[in-house]
Each structure stands twice: as C-alpha cells, then as structure tokens.
C-alpha cells in the first residue's frame, strides 16, 4: 500500500500549517531560474505538481550587496563580468515578484523568499511572504533580522554557518517578540555528505529552543529528508532542478521534480505513521480473525502431523508467504 500525494493539497496561502503538526516540504528555487521570470513560473508549477507545500526563492538587490567591480563568485557561463552584474541579471521587479506570488497562491503553495539586504526585506514586505526565511550566513545581520521581526511574520532560521552563541541570539530576538519560530539544521556544503548532515542536531535544537525544527538539505538525494521526517522534523527544504543537465550552481545538490514527489510521498507516509502510535495488545486483538484456528480432536486422540495443520480463514491472505 502506498500513500498518494495529492497536488495542491496544502492549506490556503497565508496559513502556517506547521503549527498544526504538518511537516512542510519546501521546494527551493534560489537562482535556478537564471533571471528568467518565465522559468521561475515554471518552477512554481513543477513544485506544486510534485505535491510540495511551499516554494522558496532568494531576493537579491545588486546595489545593496555588491560593488560594481566586485568579482563574481558563482558560475554564470561568462555572461556576467562582475558579481553586481550577476545579481542585477537575477533581479525581478516588484510587479514580477507579485506575479510569482499570485501564481504560488493560485497553486496553493506558500510563497517564501530569503532576503539578503534591508532593501530586499522592504521589497518582499510589499509582495507578501508567508514567513521570513533567514538564510545561512545572515543570522548575524542584526538590522535585517530586527526589521523582519518587526513585521510580525513567522520566522525560519537556517543555522548553517552559525555557532551556538550566534544562533542563540537570533532565536532569542524572535522568541522575545512572541513570534512563531522554526530553526533548521543546515550544512551548506555542495554536496553535504551523510557524515556532515547533523541529523542529531534536530533533537538538540528542539530541546534548546522549544520550537519547531527542520532540515535544509544540500545532499542532492531524498534520503536525508526522509530521515529527518522520521525524526519528527516540522519542515524539510530541498533545492529543486527541472533537469540534471540544467545550468546553475545548485544543480549538484538539487532534487529533480520526480525525486521531489518521492520525497513528499515519503514524508506524508512517515508523518502518518508517527501520528498514529500502535498499541501492541490492541493490534494483536484486531488481528485475531487472521490467525486461523485448529480443529479440536475428540479426547483421547494422539496428535498426528496432519491433525496439527492450521487452517487459514477465508478472505485476504496474510502478507507473509506460507
């Protein structure tokens, strides 16, 4: 028996279902659209069709992040002479972001984007995001963090590059403001090997902050997400690619849309199992009709090999071969 994923089964846009016990699956686009708003829309449709709960982008404002002559740090196929030009080419207008948000709403996906400057926060505040996702490396950006907290939206903190002291300070700001908090374990290696995933930290994060926890995965496979779901994660974020042959810096650590559907199906299956604990005695009693019965023999009668064969009840067969 398999658990089917129903596309568009997520709660209405604007809701925050993790608070109700749902494990959110987030498809991360980041810069995989390569500056094409049409490609960004295609990602939204593909992620929705895979049964995920949310789509996430990144919002960069070139002038706020890079000097004009700063060398590029990501692959761009020779299109961009500087980091500034790269972020400029990746940028969408507010109207284009509004269109992406509407598309996500129409497909019943939560709309998320990580800002990388105060200017990006203001842009996304106008567009409207379901929650703020603070990227690894940005937890120490105190002015940006404080501005996000001031909007009163739920907060998701990615802990990838932060020691405990830095993460403690960021979580304290969010919790003192009384906001919904999710903290993600993240190892921003490309790819993140099994020995570096830090799945053990999910329980430690939950105990330390008393909040929802999750995994921002960069392993490029579904296994880490499934393991996190089995450990009770509330949110699993994975990069998504439309093809293994696609261009971009994140393809190596991304899931295809087919793999995203496998992950989503598995997460739903695992969550259903975790939410329905089984009482061993009650289950044994439920299974009594399937155990069969032995025909009693008149007394006295010495047992024989044939007389001890158990007859099986009519109806569905047991799953184990006999």
C-alpha atoms as a PDB file:
ATOM      1  CA  UNK A   1       0.000   0.000   0.000  1.00  0.00           C
ATOM      2  CA  UNK A   2       1.341   3.450  -0.906  1.00  0.00           C
ATOM      3  CA  UNK A   3       0.400   6.918   0.235  1.00  0.00           C
ATOM      4  CA  UNK A   4      -0.621   9.071  -2.711  1.00  0.00           C
ATOM      5  CA  UNK A   5       0.369  12.719  -2.905  1.00  0.00           C
ATOM      6  CA  UNK A   6      -2.489  14.974  -3.903  1.00  0.00           C
ATOM      7  CA  UNK A   7      -1.121  18.012  -5.742  1.00  0.00           C
ATOM      8  CA  UNK A   8      -2.335  21.334  -4.327  1.00  0.00           C
ATOM      9  CA  UNK A   9      -3.372  19.680  -1.063  1.00  0.00           C
ATOM     10  CA  UNK A  10      -1.661  22.384   1.005  1.00  0.00           C
ATOM     11  CA  UNK A  11      -3.688  24.746   3.205  1.00  0.00           C
ATOM     12  CA  UNK A  12      -4.728  28.097   1.732  1.00  0.00           C
ATOM     13  CA  UNK A  13      -1.949  30.588   1.078  1.00  0.00           C
ATOM     14  CA  UNK A  14      -1.196  32.740   4.082  1.00  0.00           C
ATOM     15  CA  UNK A  15      -1.754  29.934   6.584  1.00  0.00           C
ATOM     16  CA  UNK A  16       1.164  28.471   8.524  1.00  0.00           C
ATOM     17  CA  UNK A  17       0.294  24.769   8.775  1.00  0.00           C
ATOM     18  CA  UNK A  18       3.450  23.637  10.571  1.00  0.00           C
ATOM     19  CA  UNK A  19       1.884  24.939  13.768  1.00  0.00           C
ATOM     20  CA  UNK A  20      -0.854  22.327  13.345  1.00  0.00           C
ATOM     21  CA  UNK A  21       1.597  19.448  13.112  1.00  0.00           C
ATOM     22  CA  UNK A  22       2.114  19.240   9.359  1.00  0.00           C
ATOM     23  CA  UNK A  23       5.637  18.593   8.089  1.00  0.00           C
ATOM     24  CA  UNK A  24       6.139  21.208   5.390  1.00  0.00           C
ATOM     25  CA  UNK A  25       8.071  20.286   2.248  1.00  0.00           C
ATOM     26  CA  UNK A  26       9.650  23.381   0.689  1.00  0.00           C
ATOM     27  CA  UNK A  27      10.966  23.424  -2.870  1.00  0.00           C
ATOM     28  CA  UNK A  28      13.885  25.869  -3.092  1.00  0.00           C
ATOM     29  CA  UNK A  29      14.356  27.576  -6.472  1.00  0.00           C
ATOM     30  CA  UNK A  30      17.041  30.046  -5.363  1.00  0.00           C
ATOM     31  CA  UNK A  31      18.728  31.294  -8.576  1.00  0.00           C
ATOM     32  CA  UNK A  32      17.864  28.256 -10.719  1.00  0.00           C
ATOM     33  CA  UNK A  33      15.574  30.471 -12.823  1.00  0.00           C
ATOM     34  CA  UNK A  34      18.769  32.194 -14.119  1.00  0.00           C
ATOM     35  CA  UNK A  35      16.997  35.545 -14.346  1.00  0.00           C
ATOM     36  CA  UNK A  36      14.018  34.299 -16.388  1.00  0.00           C
ATOM     37  CA  UNK A  37      10.657  35.143 -14.843  1.00  0.00           C
ATOM     38  CA  UNK A  38       9.064  32.580 -17.170  1.00  0.00           C
ATOM     39  CA  UNK A  39      11.375  29.885 -15.815  1.00  0.00           C
ATOM     40  CA  UNK A  40      10.504  30.992 -12.270  1.00  0.00           C
ATOM     41  CA  UNK A  41       6.814  30.438 -13.053  1.00  0.00           C
ATOM     42  CA  UNK A  42       7.663  27.011 -14.496  1.00  0.00           C
ATOM     43  CA  UNK A  43       9.340  26.071 -11.200  1.00  0.00           C
ATOM     44  CA  UNK A  44       6.219  27.057  -9.265  1.00  0.00           C
ATOM     45  CA  UNK A  45       4.056  24.769 -11.394  1.00  0.00           C
ATOM     46  CA  UNK A  46       6.541  21.894 -11.179  1.00  0.00           C
ATOM     47  CA  UNK A  47       6.899  22.160  -7.389  1.00  0.00           C
ATOM     48  CA  UNK A  48       3.118  22.312  -6.957  1.00  0.00           C
ATOM     49  CA  UNK A  49       2.664  19.271  -9.198  1.00  0.00           C
ATOM     50  CA  UNK A  50       5.138  17.357  -7.027  1.00  0.00           C
ATOM     51  CA  UNK A  51       2.875  17.870  -4.011  1.00  0.00           C
ATOM     52  CA  UNK A  52       5.108  20.204  -2.006  1.00  0.00           C
ATOM     53  CA  UNK A  53       3.738  22.767   0.450  1.00  0.00           C
ATOM     54  CA  UNK A  54       5.829  25.809  -0.396  1.00  0.00           C
ATOM     55  CA  UNK A  55       8.090  27.373  -2.991  1.00  0.00           C
ATOM     56  CA  UNK A  56      11.075  29.468  -1.977  1.00  0.00           C
ATOM     57  CA  UNK A  57      13.209  31.934  -3.905  1.00  0.00           C
ATOM     58  CA  UNK A  58      16.054  34.289  -2.987  1.00  0.00           C
ATOM     59  CA  UNK A  59      15.747  38.053  -3.320  1.00  0.00           C
ATOM     60  CA  UNK A  60      18.932  39.961  -4.056  1.00  0.00           C
ATOM     61  CA  UNK A  61      19.274  43.705  -4.659  1.00  0.00           C
ATOM     62  CA  UNK A  62      22.506  44.211  -6.569  1.00  0.00           C
ATOM     63  CA  UNK A  63      23.237  47.769  -5.409  1.00  0.00           C
ATOM     64  CA  UNK A  64      22.739  46.794  -1.759  1.00  0.00           C
ATOM     65  CA  UNK A  65      25.000  43.734  -1.900  1.00  0.00           C
ATOM     66  CA  UNK A  66      27.809  44.315  -4.373  1.00  0.00           C
ATOM     67  CA  UNK A  67      30.174  46.982  -5.614  1.00  0.00           C
ATOM     68  CA  UNK A  68      30.212  47.490  -9.370  1.00  0.00           C
ATOM     69  CA  UNK A  69      33.620  45.888  -9.896  1.00  0.00           C
ATOM     70  CA  UNK A  70      33.394  43.083  -7.342  1.00  0.00           C
ATOM     71  CA  UNK A  71      34.381  39.738  -8.959  1.00  0.00           C
ATOM     72  CA  UNK A  72      31.618  37.191  -9.432  1.00  0.00           C
ATOM     73  CA  UNK A  73      31.575  34.227  -7.060  1.00  0.00           C
ATOM     74  CA  UNK A  74      29.055  31.994  -8.804  1.00  0.00           C
ATOM     75  CA  UNK A  75      29.080  30.338 -12.208  1.00  0.00           C
ATOM     76  CA  UNK A  76      27.335  32.460 -14.816  1.00  0.00           C
ATOM     77  CA  UNK A  77      28.567  30.941 -18.046  1.00  0.00           C
ATOM     78  CA  UNK A  78      30.656  34.006 -18.830  1.00  0.00           C
ATOM     79  CA  UNK A  79      27.545  36.191 -19.069  1.00  0.00           C
ATOM     80  CA  UNK A  80      28.481  38.498 -16.218  1.00  0.00           C
ATOM     81  CA  UNK A  81      31.721  40.369 -15.682  1.00  0.00           C
ATOM     82  CA  UNK A  82      31.062  41.078 -12.018  1.00  0.00           C
ATOM     83  CA  UNK A  83      29.043  39.927  -9.055  1.00  0.00           C
ATOM     84  CA  UNK A  84      26.990  43.127  -9.330  1.00  0.00           C
ATOM     85  CA  UNK A  85      26.041  42.293 -12.917  1.00  0.00           C
ATOM     86  CA  UNK A  86      25.089  38.766 -11.918  1.00  0.00           C
ATOM     87  CA  UNK A  87      22.697  39.919  -9.174  1.00  0.00           C
ATOM     88  CA  UNK A  88      21.348  42.603 -11.480  1.00  0.00           C
ATOM     89  CA  UNK A  89      20.529  39.981 -14.096  1.00  0.00           C
ATOM     90  CA  UNK A  90      18.920  37.735 -11.467  1.00  0.00           C
ATOM     91  CA  UNK A  91      16.644  40.509 -10.152  1.00  0.00           C
ATOM     92  CA  UNK A  92      12.890  40.742 -10.699  1.00  0.00           C
ATOM     93  CA  UNK A  93      10.770  43.886 -10.473  1.00  0.00           C
ATOM     94  CA  UNK A  94       8.178  44.243  -7.737  1.00  0.00           C
ATOM     95  CA  UNK A  95       5.457  43.592 -10.325  1.00  0.00           C
ATOM     96  CA  UNK A  96       7.204  40.380 -11.394  1.00  0.00           C
ATOM     97  CA  UNK A  97       7.511  39.250  -7.780  1.00  0.00           C
ATOM     98  CA  UNK A  98       3.811  39.997  -7.315  1.00  0.00           C
ATOM     99  CA  UNK A  99       3.073  37.797 -10.316  1.00  0.00           C
ATOM    100  CA  UNK A 100       5.104  34.948  -8.857  1.00  0.00           C
ATOM    101  CA  UNK A 101       3.354  35.330  -5.512  1.00  0.00           C
ATOM    102  CA  UNK A 102      -0.057  35.208  -7.229  1.00  0.00           C
ATOM    103  CA  UNK A 103       0.963  32.102  -9.165  1.00  0.00           C
ATOM    104  CA  UNK A 104       2.018  30.405  -5.929  1.00  0.00           C
ATOM    105  CA  UNK A 105      -1.280  31.399  -4.301  1.00  0.00           C
ATOM    106  CA  UNK A 106      -3.224  30.032  -7.270  1.00  0.00           C
ATOM    107  CA  UNK A 107      -1.347  26.730  -6.984  1.00  0.00           C
ATOM    108  CA  UNK A 108      -1.929  26.694  -3.201  1.00  0.00           C
ATOM    109  CA  UNK A 109       1.757  26.956  -2.375  1.00  0.00           C
ATOM    110  CA  UNK A 110       3.101  29.025   0.478  1.00  0.00           C
ATOM    111  CA  UNK A 111       5.318  31.738  -1.016  1.00  0.00           C
ATOM    112  CA  UNK A 112       8.742  32.271   0.569  1.00  0.00           C
ATOM    113  CA  UNK A 113      11.903  34.141  -0.390  1.00  0.00           C
ATOM    114  CA  UNK A 114      15.083  34.790   1.560  1.00  0.00           C
ATOM    115  CA  UNK A 115      16.167  38.449   1.571  1.00  0.00           C
ATOM    116  CA  UNK A 116      19.837  39.377   1.580  1.00  0.00           C
ATOM    117  CA  UNK A 117      19.548  43.081   2.400  1.00  0.00           C
ATOM    118  CA  UNK A 118      17.234  45.554   4.099  1.00  0.00           C
ATOM    119  CA  UNK A 119      16.146  46.688   0.658  1.00  0.00           C
ATOM    120  CA  UNK A 120      15.127  43.124  -0.165  1.00  0.00           C
ATOM    121  CA  UNK A 121      13.153  42.900   3.081  1.00  0.00           C
ATOM    122  CA  UNK A 122      11.185  46.027   2.156  1.00  0.00           C
ATOM    123  CA  UNK A 123      10.502  44.670  -1.333  1.00  0.00           C
ATOM    124  CA  UNK A 124       9.261  41.335  -0.015  1.00  0.00           C
ATOM    125  CA  UNK A 125       7.170  43.014   2.665  1.00  0.00           C
ATOM    126  CA  UNK A 126       5.287  44.745  -0.155  1.00  0.00           C
ATOM    127  CA  UNK A 127       4.953  41.497  -2.098  1.00  0.00           C
ATOM    128  CA  UNK A 128       3.902  39.458   0.933  1.00  0.00           C
ATOM    129  CA  UNK A 129       5.613  36.290   2.167  1.00  0.00           C
ATOM    130  CA  UNK A 130       4.098  33.571   4.349  1.00  0.00           C
ATOM    131  CA  UNK A 131       7.131  33.721   6.654  1.00  0.00           C
ATOM    132  CA  UNK A 132      10.662  35.056   6.693  1.00  0.00           C
ATOM    133  CA  UNK A 133      13.390  32.557   5.863  1.00  0.00           C
ATOM    134  CA  UNK A 134      16.718  33.843   7.163  1.00  0.00           C
ATOM    135  CA  UNK A 135      19.480  32.248   5.110  1.00  0.00           C
ATOM    136  CA  UNK A 136      22.649  30.705   6.492  1.00  0.00           C
ATOM    137  CA  UNK A 137      25.191  33.471   6.917  1.00  0.00           C
ATOM    138  CA  UNK A 138      22.561  36.160   7.572  1.00  0.00           C
ATOM    139  CA  UNK A 139      21.805  35.463  11.256  1.00  0.00           C
ATOM    140  CA  UNK A 140      24.491  37.973  12.226  1.00  0.00           C
ATOM    141  CA  UNK A 141      22.825  40.706  10.131  1.00  0.00           C
ATOM    142  CA  UNK A 142      21.147  42.271  13.160  1.00  0.00           C
ATOM    143  CA  UNK A 143      19.456  45.261  11.441  1.00  0.00           C
ATOM    144  CA  UNK A 144      17.869  42.968   8.841  1.00  0.00           C
ATOM    145  CA  UNK A 145      16.801  40.450  11.479  1.00  0.00           C
ATOM    146  CA  UNK A 146      15.229  43.177  13.618  1.00  0.00           C
ATOM    147  CA  UNK A 147      13.333  44.580  10.622  1.00  0.00           C
ATOM    148  CA  UNK A 148      11.911  41.142   9.827  1.00  0.00           C
ATOM    149  CA  UNK A 149      10.882  40.623  13.455  1.00  0.00           C
ATOM    150  CA  UNK A 150       9.106  43.994  13.383  1.00  0.00           C
ATOM    151  CA  UNK A 151       6.783  42.772  10.592  1.00  0.00           C
ATOM    152  CA  UNK A 152       5.354  40.110  12.971  1.00  0.00           C
ATOM    153  CA  UNK A 153       5.563  37.324  10.425  1.00  0.00           C
ATOM    154  CA  UNK A 154       6.641  33.750  11.347  1.00  0.00           C
ATOM    155  CA  UNK A 155      10.415  33.259  11.251  1.00  0.00           C
ATOM    156  CA  UNK A 156      12.515  30.405   9.880  1.00  0.00           C
ATOM    157  CA  UNK A 157      16.194  30.495  10.841  1.00  0.00           C
ATOM    158  CA  UNK A 158      18.757  28.456   8.928  1.00  0.00           C
ATOM    159  CA  UNK A 159      21.632  27.616  11.246  1.00  0.00           C
ATOM    160  CA  UNK A 160      24.167  26.559   8.589  1.00  0.00           C
ATOM    161  CA  UNK A 161      27.041  28.944   9.298  1.00  0.00           C
ATOM    162  CA  UNK A 162      26.291  29.885  12.899  1.00  0.00           C
ATOM    163  CA  UNK A 163      27.859  28.707  16.168  1.00  0.00           C
ATOM    164  CA  UNK A 164      25.526  28.254  19.129  1.00  0.00           C
ATOM    165  CA  UNK A 165      26.080  31.768  20.507  1.00  0.00           C
ATOM    166  CA  UNK A 166      25.009  33.422  17.265  1.00  0.00           C
ATOM    167  CA  UNK A 167      22.021  31.133  16.859  1.00  0.00           C
ATOM    168  CA  UNK A 168      21.017  31.677  20.499  1.00  0.00           C
ATOM    169  CA  UNK A 169      20.998  35.453  20.000  1.00  0.00           C
ATOM    170  CA  UNK A 170      18.859  35.267  16.854  1.00  0.00           C
ATOM    171  CA  UNK A 171      16.371  32.813  18.350  1.00  0.00           C
ATOM    172  CA  UNK A 172      16.091  34.976  21.465  1.00  0.00           C
ATOM    173  CA  UNK A 173      15.096  38.029  19.387  1.00  0.00           C
ATOM    174  CA  UNK A 174      12.362  36.063  17.658  1.00  0.00           C
ATOM    175  CA  UNK A 175      11.006  34.384  20.778  1.00  0.00           C
ATOM    176  CA  UNK A 176      11.071  37.534  22.900  1.00  0.00           C
ATOM    177  CA  UNK A 177       8.845  39.096  20.233  1.00  0.00           C
ATOM    178  CA  UNK A 178       6.419  36.185  20.649  1.00  0.00           C
ATOM    179  CA  UNK A 179       6.729  35.066  17.024  1.00  0.00           C
ATOM    180  CA  UNK A 180       6.371  31.593  15.554  1.00  0.00           C
ATOM    181  CA  UNK A 181       9.894  30.147  15.217  1.00  0.00           C
ATOM    182  CA  UNK A 182      11.337  27.270  13.203  1.00  0.00           C
ATOM    183  CA  UNK A 183      15.067  26.525  13.327  1.00  0.00           C
ATOM    184  CA  UNK A 184      16.644  24.461  10.555  1.00  0.00           C
ATOM    185  CA  UNK A 185      19.751  22.336  10.747  1.00  0.00           C
ATOM    186  CA  UNK A 186      21.734  23.093   7.602  1.00  0.00           C
ATOM    187  CA  UNK A 187      25.154  22.073   6.328  1.00  0.00           C
ATOM    188  CA  UNK A 188      25.891  24.369   3.359  1.00  0.00           C
ATOM    189  CA  UNK A 189      28.355  22.062   1.641  1.00  0.00           C
ATOM    190  CA  UNK A 190      27.838  21.226  -2.032  1.00  0.00           C
ATOM    191  CA  UNK A 191      27.046  18.406  -1.650  1.00  0.00           C
ATOM    192  CA  UNK A 192      26.627  17.716   2.072  1.00  0.00           C
ATOM    193  CA  UNK A 193      27.901  14.214   2.807  1.00  0.00           C
ATOM    194  CA  UNK A 194      25.997  11.907   5.206  1.00  0.00           C
ATOM    195  CA  UNK A 195      28.665  12.341   7.891  1.00  0.00           C
ATOM    196  CA  UNK A 196      28.117  16.121   7.849  1.00  0.00           C
ATOM    197  CA  UNK A 197      24.292  16.328   7.783  1.00  0.00           C
ATOM    198  CA  UNK A 198      23.933  16.752  11.553  1.00  0.00           C
ATOM    199  CA  UNK A 199      20.643  14.916  11.930  1.00  0.00           C
ATOM    200  CA  UNK A 200      21.489  14.512  15.623  1.00  0.00           C
ATOM    201  CA  UNK A 201      21.052  18.268  15.999  1.00  0.00           C
ATOM    202  CA  UNK A 202      17.308  18.192  15.284  1.00  0.00           C
ATOM    203  CA  UNK A 203      16.547  16.932  18.790  1.00  0.00           C
ATOM    204  CA  UNK A 204      19.091  19.300  20.316  1.00  0.00           C
ATOM    205  CA  UNK A 205      17.557  22.297  18.532  1.00  0.00           C
ATOM    206  CA  UNK A 206      14.077  21.313  19.700  1.00  0.00           C
ATOM    207  CA  UNK A 207      15.228  20.882  23.297  1.00  0.00           C
ATOM    208  CA  UNK A 208      17.294  24.069  23.276  1.00  0.00           C
ATOM    209  CA  UNK A 209      14.644  26.424  21.874  1.00  0.00           C
ATOM    210  CA  UNK A 210      11.371  24.583  22.459  1.00  0.00           C
ATOM    211  CA  UNK A 211      10.327  25.366  18.886  1.00  0.00           C
ATOM    212  CA  UNK A 212       9.662  23.637  15.582  1.00  0.00           C
ATOM    213  CA  UNK A 213      12.744  22.285  13.818  1.00  0.00           C
ATOM    214  CA  UNK A 214      13.669  21.066  10.377  1.00  0.00           C
ATOM    215  CA  UNK A 215      16.351  20.340   7.821  1.00  0.00           C
ATOM    216  CA  UNK A 216      17.630  22.489   4.978  1.00  0.00           C
ATOM    217  CA  UNK A 217      19.210  19.737   2.913  1.00  0.00           C
ATOM    218  CA  UNK A 218      22.058  20.035   0.421  1.00  0.00           C
ATOM    219  CA  UNK A 219      22.784  16.344  -0.081  1.00  0.00           C
ATOM    220  CA  UNK A 220      21.139  16.095  -3.510  1.00  0.00           C
ATOM    221  CA  UNK A 221      19.170  12.955  -2.578  1.00  0.00           C
ATOM    222  CA  UNK A 222      15.881  12.162  -0.824  1.00  0.00           C
ATOM    223  CA  UNK A 223      17.383  10.103   1.996  1.00  0.00           C
ATOM    224  CA  UNK A 224      18.254  12.926   4.400  1.00  0.00           C
ATOM    225  CA  UNK A 225      14.767  14.416   4.145  1.00  0.00           C
ATOM    226  CA  UNK A 226      13.136  11.064   4.823  1.00  0.00           C
ATOM    227  CA  UNK A 227      15.409  10.511   7.828  1.00  0.00           C
ATOM    228  CA  UNK A 228      14.557  13.975   9.150  1.00  0.00           C
ATOM    229  CA  UNK A 229      10.849  13.232   8.764  1.00  0.00           C
ATOM    230  CA  UNK A 230      11.305  10.012  10.741  1.00  0.00           C
ATOM    231  CA  UNK A 231      12.974  12.075  13.472  1.00  0.00           C
ATOM    232  CA  UNK A 232       9.924  14.339  13.668  1.00  0.00           C
ATOM    233  CA  UNK A 233      11.059  17.319  11.575  1.00  0.00           C
ATOM    234  CA  UNK A 234       8.441  20.034  11.043  1.00  0.00           C
ATOM    235  CA  UNK A 235       9.952  21.393   7.827  1.00  0.00           C
ATOM    236  CA  UNK A 236      12.179  19.963   5.098  1.00  0.00           C
ATOM    237  CA  UNK A 237      13.692  22.256   2.484  1.00  0.00           C
ATOM    238  CA  UNK A 238      15.401  20.981  -0.661  1.00  0.00           C
ATOM    239  CA  UNK A 239      16.780  22.621  -3.787  1.00  0.00           C
ATOM    240  CA  UNK A 240      14.908  21.700  -6.955  1.00  0.00           C
ATOM    241  CA  UNK A 241      16.054  21.401 -10.566  1.00  0.00           C
ATOM    242  CA  UNK A 242      13.977  20.732 -13.665  1.00  0.00           C
ATOM    243  CA  UNK A 243      16.802  18.594 -15.087  1.00  0.00           C
ATOM    244  CA  UNK A 244      20.102  17.064 -14.033  1.00  0.00           C
ATOM    245  CA  UNK A 245      21.522  18.597 -17.208  1.00  0.00           C
ATOM    246  CA  UNK A 246      20.402  22.106 -16.246  1.00  0.00           C
ATOM    247  CA  UNK A 247      22.820  25.009 -15.789  1.00  0.00           C
ATOM    248  CA  UNK A 248      23.456  26.533 -12.372  1.00  0.00           C
ATOM    249  CA  UNK A 249      25.492  26.330  -9.173  1.00  0.00           C
ATOM    250  CA  UNK A 250      22.862  24.368  -7.203  1.00  0.00           C
ATOM    251  CA  UNK A 251      22.095  21.541  -9.647  1.00  0.00           C
ATOM    252  CA  UNK A 252      24.533  19.184  -7.908  1.00  0.00           C
ATOM    253  CA  UNK A 253      22.634  19.430  -4.606  1.00  0.00           C
ATOM    254  CA  UNK A 254      19.123  19.575  -6.058  1.00  0.00           C
ATOM    255  CA  UNK A 255      16.298  17.068  -6.432  1.00  0.00           C
ATOM    256  CA  UNK A 256      14.532  16.610  -9.739  1.00  0.00           C
ATOM    257  CA  UNK A 257      10.784  17.152  -9.643  1.00  0.00           C
ATOM    258  CA  UNK A 258      10.295  13.366  -9.787  1.00  0.00           C
ATOM    259  CA  UNK A 259      12.541  12.987  -6.733  1.00  0.00           C
ATOM    260  CA  UNK A 260      10.681  15.815  -5.008  1.00  0.00           C
ATOM    261  CA  UNK A 261       7.448  13.855  -5.480  1.00  0.00           C
ATOM    262  CA  UNK A 262       9.114  10.761  -3.993  1.00  0.00           C
ATOM    263  CA  UNK A 263      10.272  12.814  -1.019  1.00  0.00           C
ATOM    264  CA  UNK A 264       6.847  14.349  -0.493  1.00  0.00           C
ATOM    265  CA  UNK A 265       5.142  10.953  -0.714  1.00  0.00           C
ATOM    266  CA  UNK A 266       7.606   9.515   1.788  1.00  0.00           C
ATOM    267  CA  UNK A 267       7.252  12.417   4.208  1.00  0.00           C
ATOM    268  CA  UNK A 268       3.443  12.075   4.190  1.00  0.00           C
ATOM    269  CA  UNK A 269       3.726   8.318   4.760  1.00  0.00           C
ATOM    270  CA  UNK A 270       6.207   8.698   7.624  1.00  0.00           C
ATOM    271  CA  UNK A 271       4.230  11.504   9.249  1.00  0.00           C
ATOM    272  CA  UNK A 272       1.052   9.412   9.159  1.00  0.00           C
ATOM    273  CA  UNK A 273       2.911   6.562  10.863  1.00  0.00           C
ATOM    274  CA  UNK A 274       4.341   8.829  13.570  1.00  0.00           C
ATOM    275  CA  UNK A 275       0.956  10.393  14.284  1.00  0.00           C
ATOM    276  CA  UNK A 276      -0.711   7.008  14.808  1.00  0.00           C
ATOM    277  CA  UNK A 277       1.127   5.090  17.541  1.00  0.00           C
ATOM    278  CA  UNK A 278       0.085   1.448  17.819  1.00  0.00           C
ATOM    279  CA  UNK A 279      -0.880  -0.414  20.997  1.00  0.00           C
ATOM    280  CA  UNK A 280       0.608  -3.897  20.643  1.00  0.00           C
ATOM    281  CA  UNK A 281      -2.157  -5.725  22.536  1.00  0.00           C
ATOM    282  CA  UNK A 282      -4.932  -3.850  20.751  1.00  0.00           C
ATOM    283  CA  UNK A 283      -3.336  -4.624  17.397  1.00  0.00           C
ATOM    284  CA  UNK A 284      -2.991  -8.316  18.305  1.00  0.00           C
ATOM    285  CA  UNK A 285      -6.681  -8.444  19.204  1.00  0.00           C
ATOM    286  CA  UNK A 286      -7.557  -6.746  15.909  1.00  0.00           C
ATOM    287  CA  UNK A 287      -5.564  -9.388  14.037  1.00  0.00           C
ATOM    288  CA  UNK A 288      -7.137 -12.417  15.789  1.00  0.00           C
ATOM    289  CA  UNK A 289      -9.514 -13.205  12.888  1.00  0.00           C
ATOM    290  CA  UNK A 290      -6.463 -13.527  10.614  1.00  0.00           C
ATOM    291  CA  UNK A 291      -4.626 -16.034  12.821  1.00  0.00           C
ATOM    292  CA  UNK A 292      -6.685 -19.076  11.828  1.00  0.00           C
ATOM    293  CA  UNK A 293      -7.842 -21.888  14.084  1.00  0.00           C
ATOM    294  CA  UNK A 294      -7.078 -25.521  14.764  1.00  0.00           C
ATOM    295  CA  UNK A 295      -9.894 -28.079  14.719  1.00  0.00           C
ATOM    296  CA  UNK A 296     -10.126 -29.730  18.188  1.00  0.00           C
ATOM    297  CA  UNK A 297      -9.990 -33.523  18.161  1.00  0.00           C
ATOM    298  CA  UNK A 298     -12.124 -35.870  20.294  1.00  0.00           C
ATOM    299  CA  UNK A 299     -10.464 -36.930  23.549  1.00  0.00           C
ATOM    300  CA  UNK A 300      -8.446 -39.087  23.755  1.00  0.00           C
ATOM    301  CA  UNK A 301      -6.737 -38.905  20.383  1.00  0.00           C
ATOM    302  CA  UNK A 302      -2.980 -38.893  19.853  1.00  0.00           C
ATOM    303  CA  UNK A 303      -1.820 -35.922  17.805  1.00  0.00           C
ATOM    304  CA  UNK A 304      -0.559 -36.567  14.312  1.00  0.00           C
ATOM    305  CA  UNK A 305       1.308 -34.402  11.815  1.00  0.00           C
ATOM    306  CA  UNK A 306      -1.768 -33.864   9.678  1.00  0.00           C
ATOM    307  CA  UNK A 307      -4.063 -33.163  12.608  1.00  0.00           C
ATOM    308  CA  UNK A 308      -1.902 -30.199  13.708  1.00  0.00           C
ATOM    309  CA  UNK A 309      -2.074 -28.292  10.410  1.00  0.00           C
ATOM    310  CA  UNK A 310      -3.685 -24.915  10.983  1.00  0.00           C
ATOM    311  CA  UNK A 311      -6.440 -23.911   8.619  1.00  0.00           C
ATOM    312  CA  UNK A 312      -6.391 -20.342   7.326  1.00  0.00           C
ATOM    313  CA  UNK A 313      -9.533 -18.217   7.354  1.00  0.00           C
ATOM    314  CA  UNK A 314     -11.239 -17.207   4.156  1.00  0.00           C
ATOM    315  CA  UNK A 315     -10.583 -13.655   2.955  1.00  0.00           C
ATOM    316  CA  UNK A 316      -7.441 -11.589   2.275  1.00  0.00           C
ATOM    317  CA  UNK A 317      -4.242 -13.531   2.645  1.00  0.00           C
ATOM    318  CA  UNK A 318      -1.582 -12.661   5.165  1.00  0.00           C
ATOM    319  CA  UNK A 319       1.256 -10.673   3.660  1.00  0.00           C
ATOM    320  CA  UNK A 320       3.912 -13.240   4.637  1.00  0.00           C
ATOM    321  CA  UNK A 321       4.248 -16.325   2.405  1.00  0.00           C
ATOM    322  CA  UNK A 322       3.449 -19.701   3.924  1.00  0.00           C
END
